[in-house]
Amino acid sequence: KVVYAEAILLLAQLNIASGNPEAAVVAMEELK
């Protein structure tokens, strides 16, 4: 029951870099 923001942010950046930005959008909207 912990939000690991640092890991979520890094994963989102890697998703953007690997051509999967929509996954990053979903993760960032939830984290926001």
PDB file of all heavy atoms in Angstrom:
ATOM      1  N   LYS A   1       0.823  -1.223   0.000  1.00  0.00           N
ATOM      2  CA  LYS A   1       0.000   0.000   0.000  1.00  0.00           C
ATOM      3  C   LYS A   1       0.858   1.276   0.000  1.00  0.00           C
ATOM      4  O   LYS A   1       0.540   2.260   0.675  1.00  0.00           O
ATOM      5  CB  LYS A   1      -0.974   0.001   1.183  1.00  0.00           C
ATOM      6  CG  LYS A   1      -1.911  -1.199   1.194  1.00  0.00           C
ATOM      7  CD  LYS A   1      -3.039  -1.025   2.184  1.00  0.00           C
ATOM      8  CE  LYS A   1      -3.912  -2.282   2.243  1.00  0.00           C
ATOM      9  NZ  LYS A   1      -4.462  -2.661   0.945  1.00  0.00           N
ATOM     10  N   VAL A   2       1.946   1.227  -0.775  1.00  0.00           N
ATOM     11  CA  VAL A   2       2.853   2.374  -0.910  1.00  0.00           C
ATOM     12  C   VAL A   2       2.900   2.774  -2.377  1.00  0.00           C
ATOM     13  O   VAL A   2       2.958   1.915  -3.258  1.00  0.00           O
ATOM     14  CB  VAL A   2       4.274   2.026  -0.418  1.00  0.00           C
ATOM     15  CG1 VAL A   2       5.242   3.165  -0.699  1.00  0.00           C
ATOM     16  CG2 VAL A   2       4.251   1.690   1.069  1.00  0.00           C
ATOM     17  N   VAL A   3       2.859   4.085  -2.649  1.00  0.00           N
ATOM     18  CA  VAL A   3       3.007   4.590  -4.011  1.00  0.00           C
ATOM     19  C   VAL A   3       4.495   4.876  -4.233  1.00  0.00           C
ATOM     20  O   VAL A   3       5.049   5.810  -3.644  1.00  0.00           O
ATOM     21  CB  VAL A   3       2.177   5.872  -4.225  1.00  0.00           C
ATOM     22  CG1 VAL A   3       2.416   6.424  -5.630  1.00  0.00           C
ATOM     23  CG2 VAL A   3       0.701   5.590  -3.997  1.00  0.00           C
ATOM     24  N   TYR A   4       5.138   4.079  -5.061  1.00  0.00           N
ATOM     25  CA  TYR A   4       6.575   4.241  -5.312  1.00  0.00           C
ATOM     26  C   TYR A   4       6.737   5.217  -6.483  1.00  0.00           C
ATOM     27  O   TYR A   4       6.996   4.834  -7.629  1.00  0.00           O
ATOM     28  CB  TYR A   4       7.198   2.888  -5.636  1.00  0.00           C
ATOM     29  CG  TYR A   4       8.695   2.804  -5.407  1.00  0.00           C
ATOM     30  CD1 TYR A   4       9.322   1.569  -5.286  1.00  0.00           C
ATOM     31  CD2 TYR A   4       9.498   3.943  -5.331  1.00  0.00           C
ATOM     32  CE1 TYR A   4      10.698   1.471  -5.072  1.00  0.00           C
ATOM     33  CE2 TYR A   4      10.854   3.871  -5.122  1.00  0.00           C
ATOM     34  CZ  TYR A   4      11.450   2.631  -4.996  1.00  0.00           C
ATOM     35  OH  TYR A   4      12.806   2.554  -4.788  1.00  0.00           O
ATOM     36  N   ALA A   5       6.619   6.509  -6.166  1.00  0.00           N
ATOM     37  CA  ALA A   5       6.584   7.548  -7.204  1.00  0.00           C
ATOM     38  C   ALA A   5       7.852   7.543  -8.052  1.00  0.00           C
ATOM     39  O   ALA A   5       7.797   7.697  -9.277  1.00  0.00           O
ATOM     40  CB  ALA A   5       6.375   8.910  -6.563  1.00  0.00           C
ATOM     41  N   GLU A   6       9.015   7.378  -7.417  1.00  0.00           N
ATOM     42  CA  GLU A   6      10.282   7.438  -8.146  1.00  0.00           C
ATOM     43  C   GLU A   6      10.349   6.357  -9.228  1.00  0.00           C
ATOM     44  O   GLU A   6      10.787   6.611 -10.355  1.00  0.00           O
ATOM     45  CB  GLU A   6      11.438   7.272  -7.154  1.00  0.00           C
ATOM     46  CG  GLU A   6      12.774   7.733  -7.695  1.00  0.00           C
ATOM     47  CD  GLU A   6      13.873   7.680  -6.656  1.00  0.00           C
ATOM     48  OE1 GLU A   6      13.593   7.292  -5.494  1.00  0.00           O
ATOM     49  OE2 GLU A   6      15.012   8.020  -7.000  1.00  0.00           O
ATOM     50  N   ALA A   7       9.882   5.148  -8.886  1.00  0.00           N
ATOM     51  CA  ALA A   7       9.887   4.055  -9.857  1.00  0.00           C
ATOM     52  C   ALA A   7       8.863   4.301 -10.966  1.00  0.00           C
ATOM     53  O   ALA A   7       9.128   4.029 -12.145  1.00  0.00           O
ATOM     54  CB  ALA A   7       9.594   2.735  -9.150  1.00  0.00           C
ATOM     55  N   ILE A   8       7.695   4.819 -10.602  1.00  0.00           N
ATOM     56  CA  ILE A   8       6.648   5.089 -11.595  1.00  0.00           C
ATOM     57  C   ILE A   8       7.115   6.157 -12.583  1.00  0.00           C
ATOM     58  O   ILE A   8       6.897   6.044 -13.799  1.00  0.00           O
ATOM     59  CB  ILE A   8       5.341   5.523 -10.888  1.00  0.00           C
ATOM     60  CG1 ILE A   8       4.805   4.376 -10.021  1.00  0.00           C
ATOM     61  CG2 ILE A   8       4.282   5.934 -11.909  1.00  0.00           C
ATOM     62  CD1 ILE A   8       3.685   4.784  -9.080  1.00  0.00           C
ATOM     63  N   LEU A   9       7.779   7.190 -12.083  1.00  0.00           N
ATOM     64  CA  LEU A   9       8.281   8.259 -12.945  1.00  0.00           C
ATOM     65  C   LEU A   9       9.330   7.739 -13.925  1.00  0.00           C
ATOM     66  O   LEU A   9       9.298   8.051 -15.121  1.00  0.00           O
ATOM     67  CB  LEU A   9       8.881   9.382 -12.090  1.00  0.00           C
ATOM     68  CG  LEU A   9       7.895  10.219 -11.279  1.00  0.00           C
ATOM     69  CD1 LEU A   9       8.645  11.082 -10.271  1.00  0.00           C
ATOM     70  CD2 LEU A   9       7.045  11.091 -12.176  1.00  0.00           C
ATOM     71  N   LEU A  10      10.261   6.927 -13.418  1.00  0.00           N
ATOM     72  CA  LEU A  10      11.322   6.402 -14.282  1.00  0.00           C
ATOM     73  C   LEU A  10      10.750   5.458 -15.336  1.00  0.00           C
ATOM     74  O   LEU A  10      11.134   5.511 -16.511  1.00  0.00           O
ATOM     75  CB  LEU A  10      12.383   5.688 -13.441  1.00  0.00           C
ATOM     76  CG  LEU A  10      13.593   5.127 -14.214  1.00  0.00           C
ATOM     77  CD1 LEU A  10      14.265   6.202 -15.054  1.00  0.00           C
ATOM     78  CD2 LEU A  10      14.599   4.501 -13.244  1.00  0.00           C
ATOM     79  N   LEU A  11       9.787   4.627 -14.939  1.00  0.00           N
ATOM     80  CA  LEU A  11       9.169   3.712 -15.901  1.00  0.00           C
ATOM     81  C   LEU A  11       8.439   4.498 -16.989  1.00  0.00           C
ATOM     82  O   LEU A  11       8.491   4.136 -18.171  1.00  0.00           O
ATOM     83  CB  LEU A  11       8.202   2.764 -15.188  1.00  0.00           C
ATOM     84  CG  LEU A  11       7.491   1.736 -16.081  1.00  0.00           C
ATOM     85  CD1 LEU A  11       8.500   0.836 -16.787  1.00  0.00           C
ATOM     86  CD2 LEU A  11       6.519   0.893 -15.257  1.00  0.00           C
ATOM     87  N   ALA A  12       7.766   5.571 -16.618  1.00  0.00           N
ATOM     88  CA  ALA A  12       7.057   6.396 -17.599  1.00  0.00           C
ATOM     89  C   ALA A  12       8.044   6.990 -18.612  1.00  0.00           C
ATOM     90  O   ALA A  12       7.788   6.991 -19.823  1.00  0.00           O
ATOM     91  CB  ALA A  12       6.293   7.506 -16.898  1.00  0.00           C
ATOM     92  N   GLN A  13       9.199   7.461 -18.123  1.00  0.00           N
ATOM     93  CA  GLN A  13      10.203   8.024 -19.025  1.00  0.00           C
ATOM     94  C   GLN A  13      10.724   6.964 -19.999  1.00  0.00           C
ATOM     95  O   GLN A  13      10.936   7.248 -21.186  1.00  0.00           O
ATOM     96  CB  GLN A  13      11.357   8.609 -18.218  1.00  0.00           C
ATOM     97  CG  GLN A  13      10.981   9.883 -17.468  1.00  0.00           C
ATOM     98  CD  GLN A  13      12.088  10.356 -16.548  1.00  0.00           C
ATOM     99  OE1 GLN A  13      12.475   9.659 -15.611  1.00  0.00           O
ATOM    100  NE2 GLN A  13      12.612  11.532 -16.802  1.00  0.00           N
ATOM    101  N   LEU A  14      10.911   5.746 -19.503  1.00  0.00           N
ATOM    102  CA  LEU A  14      11.378   4.667 -20.382  1.00  0.00           C
ATOM    103  C   LEU A  14      10.307   4.278 -21.391  1.00  0.00           C
ATOM    104  O   LEU A  14      10.617   3.947 -22.545  1.00  0.00           O
ATOM    105  CB  LEU A  14      11.802   3.452 -19.552  1.00  0.00           C
ATOM    106  CG  LEU A  14      13.048   3.652 -18.687  1.00  0.00           C
ATOM    107  CD1 LEU A  14      13.336   2.399 -17.867  1.00  0.00           C
ATOM    108  CD2 LEU A  14      14.261   3.992 -19.545  1.00  0.00           C
ATOM    109  N   ASN A  15       9.046   4.307 -20.979  1.00  0.00           N
ATOM    110  CA  ASN A  15       7.962   4.022 -21.921  1.00  0.00           C
ATOM    111  C   ASN A  15       7.924   5.058 -23.035  1.00  0.00           C
ATOM    112  O   ASN A  15       7.710   4.718 -24.203  1.00  0.00           O
ATOM    113  CB  ASN A  15       6.613   3.975 -21.191  1.00  0.00           C
ATOM    114  CG  ASN A  15       6.307   2.591 -20.635  1.00  0.00           C
ATOM    115  OD1 ASN A  15       6.546   1.582 -21.290  1.00  0.00           O
ATOM    116  ND2 ASN A  15       5.790   2.528 -19.425  1.00  0.00           N
ATOM    117  N   ILE A  16       8.128   6.324 -22.690  1.00  0.00           N
ATOM    118  CA  ILE A  16       8.158   7.373 -23.715  1.00  0.00           C
ATOM    119  C   ILE A  16       9.322   7.119 -24.673  1.00  0.00           C
ATOM    120  O   ILE A  16       9.165   7.165 -25.892  1.00  0.00           O
ATOM    121  CB  ILE A  16       8.288   8.759 -23.058  1.00  0.00           C
ATOM    122  CG1 ILE A  16       7.023   9.096 -22.256  1.00  0.00           C
ATOM    123  CG2 ILE A  16       8.531   9.838 -24.125  1.00  0.00           C
ATOM    124  CD1 ILE A  16       7.169  10.304 -21.347  1.00  0.00           C
ATOM    125  N   ALA A  17      10.492   6.830 -24.098  1.00  0.00           N
ATOM    126  CA  ALA A  17      11.690   6.624 -24.922  1.00  0.00           C
ATOM    127  C   ALA A  17      11.570   5.405 -25.824  1.00  0.00           C
ATOM    128  O   ALA A  17      12.141   5.376 -26.914  1.00  0.00           O
ATOM    129  CB  ALA A  17      12.918   6.493 -24.028  1.00  0.00           C
ATOM    130  N   SER A  18      10.817   4.400 -25.379  1.00  0.00           N
ATOM    131  CA  SER A  18      10.692   3.158 -26.166  1.00  0.00           C
ATOM    132  C   SER A  18       9.501   3.176 -27.118  1.00  0.00           C
ATOM    133  O   SER A  18       9.174   2.165 -27.725  1.00  0.00           O
ATOM    134  CB  SER A  18      10.586   1.951 -25.226  1.00  0.00           C
ATOM    135  OG  SER A  18       9.396   2.038 -24.446  1.00  0.00           O
ATOM    136  N   GLY A  19       8.843   4.336 -27.252  1.00  0.00           N
ATOM    137  CA  GLY A  19       7.748   4.452 -28.219  1.00  0.00           C
ATOM    138  C   GLY A  19       6.395   4.012 -27.699  1.00  0.00           C
ATOM    139  O   GLY A  19       5.509   3.682 -28.485  1.00  0.00           O
ATOM    140  N   ASN A  20       6.225   4.000 -26.374  1.00  0.00           N
ATOM    141  CA  ASN A  20       4.939   3.626 -25.789  1.00  0.00           C
ATOM    142  C   ASN A  20       4.439   4.753 -24.873  1.00  0.00           C
ATOM    143  O   ASN A  20       4.258   4.564 -23.669  1.00  0.00           O
ATOM    144  CB  ASN A  20       5.084   2.307 -25.011  1.00  0.00           C
ATOM    145  CG  ASN A  20       3.745   1.775 -24.514  1.00  0.00           C
ATOM    146  OD1 ASN A  20       2.685   2.186 -24.986  1.00  0.00           O
ATOM    147  ND2 ASN A  20       3.784   0.867 -23.563  1.00  0.00           N
ATOM    148  N   PRO A  21       4.212   5.948 -25.437  1.00  0.00           N
ATOM    149  CA  PRO A  21       3.861   7.089 -24.591  1.00  0.00           C
ATOM    150  C   PRO A  21       2.492   6.984 -23.935  1.00  0.00           C
ATOM    151  O   PRO A  21       2.263   7.571 -22.874  1.00  0.00           O
ATOM    152  CB  PRO A  21       3.916   8.279 -25.558  1.00  0.00           C
ATOM    153  CG  PRO A  21       3.673   7.692 -26.905  1.00  0.00           C
ATOM    154  CD  PRO A  21       4.303   6.334 -26.859  1.00  0.00           C
ATOM    155  N   GLU A  22       1.572   6.235 -24.545  1.00  0.00           N
ATOM    156  CA  GLU A  22       0.226   6.130 -23.975  1.00  0.00           C
ATOM    157  C   GLU A  22       0.265   5.454 -22.601  1.00  0.00           C
ATOM    158  O   GLU A  22      -0.496   5.810 -21.705  1.00  0.00           O
ATOM    159  CB  GLU A  22      -0.709   5.370 -24.926  1.00  0.00           C
ATOM    160  CG  GLU A  22      -1.116   6.170 -26.152  1.00  0.00           C
ATOM    161  CD  GLU A  22      -1.854   7.461 -25.815  1.00  0.00           C
ATOM    162  OE1 GLU A  22      -2.465   7.544 -24.731  1.00  0.00           O
ATOM    163  OE2 GLU A  22      -1.814   8.394 -26.631  1.00  0.00           O
ATOM    164  N   ALA A  23       1.152   4.466 -22.448  1.00  0.00           N
ATOM    165  CA  ALA A  23       1.300   3.822 -21.133  1.00  0.00           C
ATOM    166  C   ALA A  23       1.779   4.846 -20.103  1.00  0.00           C
ATOM    167  O   ALA A  23       1.337   4.840 -18.943  1.00  0.00           O
ATOM    168  CB  ALA A  23       2.276   2.658 -21.220  1.00  0.00           C
ATOM    169  N   ALA A  24       2.670   5.732 -20.531  1.00  0.00           N
ATOM    170  CA  ALA A  24       3.166   6.781 -19.630  1.00  0.00           C
ATOM    171  C   ALA A  24       2.056   7.768 -19.281  1.00  0.00           C
ATOM    172  O   ALA A  24       1.961   8.230 -18.140  1.00  0.00           O
ATOM    173  CB  ALA A  24       4.336   7.513 -20.288  1.00  0.00           C
ATOM    174  N   VAL A  25       1.194   8.087 -20.261  1.00  0.00           N
ATOM    175  CA  VAL A  25       0.075   9.000 -20.006  1.00  0.00           C
ATOM    176  C   VAL A  25      -0.822   8.444 -18.902  1.00  0.00           C
ATOM    177  O   VAL A  25      -1.159   9.129 -17.937  1.00  0.00           O
ATOM    178  CB  VAL A  25      -0.751   9.244 -21.293  1.00  0.00           C
ATOM    179  CG1 VAL A  25      -2.072   9.944 -20.959  1.00  0.00           C
ATOM    180  CG2 VAL A  25       0.038  10.079 -22.288  1.00  0.00           C
ATOM    181  N   VAL A  26      -1.185   7.170 -19.038  1.00  0.00           N
ATOM    182  CA  VAL A  26      -2.067   6.528 -18.050  1.00  0.00           C
ATOM    183  C   VAL A  26      -1.419   6.553 -16.668  1.00  0.00           C
ATOM    184  O   VAL A  26      -2.047   6.929 -15.668  1.00  0.00           O
ATOM    185  CB  VAL A  26      -2.389   5.079 -18.470  1.00  0.00           C
ATOM    186  CG1 VAL A  26      -3.139   4.349 -17.361  1.00  0.00           C
ATOM    187  CG2 VAL A  26      -3.211   5.076 -19.756  1.00  0.00           C
ATOM    188  N   ALA A  27      -0.139   6.162 -16.596  1.00  0.00           N
ATOM    189  CA  ALA A  27       0.556   6.104 -15.308  1.00  0.00           C
ATOM    190  C   ALA A  27       0.671   7.483 -14.671  1.00  0.00           C
ATOM    191  O   ALA A  27       0.468   7.646 -13.463  1.00  0.00           O
ATOM    192  CB  ALA A  27       1.943   5.491 -15.500  1.00  0.00           C
ATOM    193  N   MET A  28       0.981   8.494 -15.482  1.00  0.00           N
ATOM    194  CA  MET A  28       1.160   9.844 -14.934  1.00  0.00           C
ATOM    195  C   MET A  28      -0.170  10.470 -14.511  1.00  0.00           C
ATOM    196  O   MET A  28      -0.238  11.197 -13.522  1.00  0.00           O
ATOM    197  CB  MET A  28       1.867  10.741 -15.954  1.00  0.00           C
ATOM    198  CG  MET A  28       3.324  10.387 -16.201  1.00  0.00           C
ATOM    199  SD  MET A  28       4.378  10.487 -14.715  1.00  0.00           S
ATOM    200  CE  MET A  28       4.340   8.783 -14.145  1.00  0.00           C
ATOM    201  N   GLU A  29      -1.226  10.190 -15.268  1.00  0.00           N
ATOM    202  CA  GLU A  29      -2.532  10.715 -14.870  1.00  0.00           C
ATOM    203  C   GLU A  29      -2.970  10.123 -13.531  1.00  0.00           C
ATOM    204  O   GLU A  29      -3.512  10.823 -12.668  1.00  0.00           O
ATOM    205  CB  GLU A  29      -3.572  10.430 -15.961  1.00  0.00           C
ATOM    206  CG  GLU A  29      -3.398  11.307 -17.197  1.00  0.00           C
ATOM    207  CD  GLU A  29      -4.373  10.990 -18.306  1.00  0.00           C
ATOM    208  OE1 GLU A  29      -4.939   9.863 -18.319  1.00  0.00           O
ATOM    209  OE2 GLU A  29      -4.586  11.850 -19.180  1.00  0.00           O
ATOM    210  N   GLU A  30      -2.696   8.822 -13.351  1.00  0.00           N
ATOM    211  CA  GLU A  30      -3.042   8.166 -12.074  1.00  0.00           C
ATOM    212  C   GLU A  30      -2.176   8.724 -10.940  1.00  0.00           C
ATOM    213  O   GLU A  30      -2.668   9.002  -9.848  1.00  0.00           O
ATOM    214  CB  GLU A  30      -2.839   6.662 -12.193  1.00  0.00           C
ATOM    215  CG  GLU A  30      -3.865   5.973 -13.090  1.00  0.00           C
ATOM    216  CD  GLU A  30      -3.593   4.491 -13.222  1.00  0.00           C
ATOM    217  OE1 GLU A  30      -2.572   4.010 -12.678  1.00  0.00           O
ATOM    218  OE2 GLU A  30      -4.390   3.794 -13.897  1.00  0.00           O
ATOM    219  N   LEU A  31      -0.872   8.898 -11.211  1.00  0.00           N
ATOM    220  CA  LEU A  31       0.033   9.381 -10.169  1.00  0.00           C
ATOM    221  C   LEU A  31      -0.288  10.829  -9.786  1.00  0.00           C
ATOM    222  O   LEU A  31      -0.162  11.207  -8.619  1.00  0.00           O
ATOM    223  CB  LEU A  31       1.482   9.263 -10.642  1.00  0.00           C
ATOM    224  CG  LEU A  31       2.570   9.617  -9.623  1.00  0.00           C
ATOM    225  CD1 LEU A  31       2.456   8.762  -8.361  1.00  0.00           C
ATOM    226  CD2 LEU A  31       3.959   9.474 -10.236  1.00  0.00           C
ATOM    227  N   LYS A  32      -0.723  11.617 -10.774  1.00  0.00           N
ATOM    228  CA  LYS A  32      -1.049  13.016 -10.502  1.00  0.00           C
ATOM    229  C   LYS A  32      -2.218  13.130  -9.521  1.00  0.00           C
ATOM    230  O   LYS A  32      -2.270  14.040  -8.690  1.00  0.00           O
ATOM    231  CB  LYS A  32      -1.371  13.742 -11.803  1.00  0.00           C
ATOM    232  CG  LYS A  32      -1.377  15.255 -11.655  1.00  0.00           C
ATOM    233  CD  LYS A  32      -1.532  15.942 -12.998  1.00  0.00           C
ATOM    234  CE  LYS A  32      -1.501  17.452 -12.825  1.00  0.00           C
ATOM    235  NZ  LYS A  32      -1.663  18.165 -14.097  1.00  0.00           N
TER     236      LYS A  32
END
